[in-house]
Structures are given as structure tokens and as C-alpha cells.
Amino acid sequence: MRKTGTTLSKLARDLGYFHTTLNNALNMPYPKYERLIAQHLGTTPQAIWPSRYRNDGTPKSGRGERGLGRYKAKCKFNPTIKNSNVNHADTREVA
């Protein structure tokens, strides 16, 4: 970006976005912002972020392909265990 004489903040403002908007593409996949940055640099988003795109140039979609193993379930659901956080109807007979 510096070689082009601008910054992400200035580019974002020139495109009508908030000055920190394009910074999001540096840390997380944002195909729209990645495309804007790549167009400014005269290249493709795949050349800058190859791990975020398939070979045909389409963006990979979310966790299914990029984030495997990053997000582990906090607890596993077991339908045989009674949930203690739920008020179950009392099935006892009243005498």
C-alpha cells in the first residue's frame, strides 16, 4: 500500500467507508474488502490471500474449509442426560 502512496485508512475514506473498515480484511476473510484492496494494488485477492480462495478464484466459505479445528464445542450434547437447567414437569402423583 505504501508503494502506491496511500494507506488502508485513506483508501477506505476515498471509497466512502469508515477509516478502519478495510483493516478487517487483514485479520478475517472479507471478500468484498479484499477485492477492493486487490483492485487498488492491481492484482487479485487470490494473490494476496491464497489460503482464503479456491483454485478457481472463488472465496472459500467460513469454518467449513478455513477454520477446521479452531472452534471446539464447549460441551457435547447428549440427549440421554437430563438437562439440569430446564424446569421439567413433575410427573409424581399428588396424594
Protein backbone atom coordinates (compact mmCIF):
# COMPACT_ATOMS: atom_id res chain seq x y z
CA MET A 1 0.00 0.00 0.00
CA ARG A 2 2.80 2.43 0.84
CA LYS A 3 4.34 1.98 -2.61
CA THR A 4 1.07 3.21 -4.12
CA GLY A 5 1.28 6.34 -1.99
CA THR A 6 -1.71 5.63 0.22
CA THR A 7 -2.79 3.70 3.32
CA LEU A 8 -5.71 1.42 4.05
CA SER A 9 -7.30 4.21 6.06
CA LYS A 10 -7.05 6.71 3.22
CA LEU A 11 -8.28 4.16 0.68
CA ALA A 12 -11.26 3.34 2.90
CA ARG A 13 -12.19 7.02 3.22
CA ASP A 14 -11.77 7.56 -0.55
CA LEU A 15 -14.16 4.64 -1.17
CA GLY A 16 -16.70 6.05 1.30
CA TYR A 17 -16.06 3.66 4.18
CA PHE A 18 -15.09 4.31 7.78
CA HIS A 19 -11.31 4.63 8.07
CA THR A 20 -10.80 1.27 9.82
CA THR A 21 -13.15 -0.79 7.66
CA LEU A 22 -10.57 -2.21 5.25
CA ASN A 23 -8.34 -3.26 8.16
CA ASN A 24 -10.87 -6.02 8.86
CA ALA A 25 -9.68 -7.86 5.74
CA LEU A 26 -6.20 -8.23 7.24
CA ASN A 27 -7.40 -10.37 10.14
CA MET A 28 -10.57 -12.05 8.89
CA PRO A 29 -11.93 -13.07 5.50
CA TYR A 30 -13.95 -10.24 3.92
CA PRO A 31 -14.13 -10.98 0.18
CA LYS A 32 -15.66 -7.58 -0.63
CA TYR A 33 -12.91 -5.62 1.11
CA GLU A 34 -10.21 -7.99 -0.14
CA ARG A 35 -11.41 -7.30 -3.69
CA LEU A 36 -11.27 -3.53 -3.17
CA ILE A 37 -7.72 -3.69 -1.79
CA ALA A 38 -6.57 -6.00 -4.61
CA GLN A 39 -8.10 -3.74 -7.27
CA HIS A 40 -6.23 -0.79 -5.83
CA LEU A 41 -2.99 -2.79 -5.92
CA GLY A 42 -3.64 -4.02 -9.46
CA THR A 43 -3.79 -7.71 -8.56
CA THR A 44 -6.30 -10.34 -7.49
CA PRO A 45 -7.38 -11.22 -3.94
CA GLN A 46 -6.14 -14.78 -4.52
CA ALA A 47 -2.59 -13.48 -5.00
CA ILE A 48 -2.68 -11.64 -1.67
CA TRP A 49 -4.66 -14.18 0.40
CA PRO A 50 -4.25 -17.59 -1.31
CA SER A 51 -5.49 -19.54 1.74
CA ARG A 52 -8.85 -17.76 1.54
CA TYR A 53 -9.62 -18.71 -2.07
CA ARG A 54 -10.09 -21.88 -4.13
CA ASN A 55 -8.02 -22.54 -7.23
CA ASP A 56 -10.82 -21.22 -9.46
CA GLY A 57 -10.79 -17.87 -7.64
CA THR A 58 -13.99 -18.23 -5.62
CA PRO A 59 -13.81 -17.44 -1.90
CA LYS A 60 -13.83 -20.35 0.50
CA SER A 61 -16.81 -20.33 2.79
CA GLY A 62 -16.36 -19.92 6.51
CA ARG A 63 -15.44 -22.53 9.06
CA GLY A 64 -16.21 -25.48 6.84
CA GLU A 65 -12.95 -25.02 4.97
CA ARG A 66 -10.79 -22.40 6.69
CA GLY A 67 -11.40 -22.87 10.38
CA LEU A 68 -11.32 -26.59 10.92
CA GLY A 69 -10.17 -27.28 14.44
CA ARG A 70 -10.26 -23.63 15.53
CA TYR A 71 -13.58 -23.73 17.31
CA LYS A 72 -14.09 -26.67 19.62
CA ALA A 73 -17.50 -27.30 21.11
CA LYS A 74 -17.71 -26.11 24.70
CA CYS A 75 -19.86 -29.07 25.61
CA LYS A 76 -21.20 -32.00 23.72
CA PHE A 77 -24.93 -32.57 23.53
CA ASN A 78 -26.05 -35.88 24.97
CA PRO A 79 -29.83 -36.40 24.67
CA THR A 80 -29.80 -39.16 27.31
CA ILE A 81 -28.67 -36.81 30.07
CA LYS A 82 -31.38 -34.75 31.71
CA ASN A 83 -30.66 -31.04 31.42
CA SER A 84 -30.48 -29.54 34.91
CA ASN A 85 -31.05 -26.03 33.53
CA VAL A 86 -34.58 -26.81 32.38
CA ASN A 87 -37.65 -26.99 34.61
CA HIS A 88 -39.16 -30.36 33.83
CA ALA A 89 -42.80 -31.12 34.60
CA ASP A 90 -43.19 -33.04 37.85
CA THR A 91 -44.64 -36.44 36.97
CA ARG A 92 -45.25 -37.58 40.58
CA GLU A 93 -48.79 -38.22 41.64
CA VAL A 94 -50.22 -35.89 44.25
CA ALA A 95 -52.00 -37.77 47.07
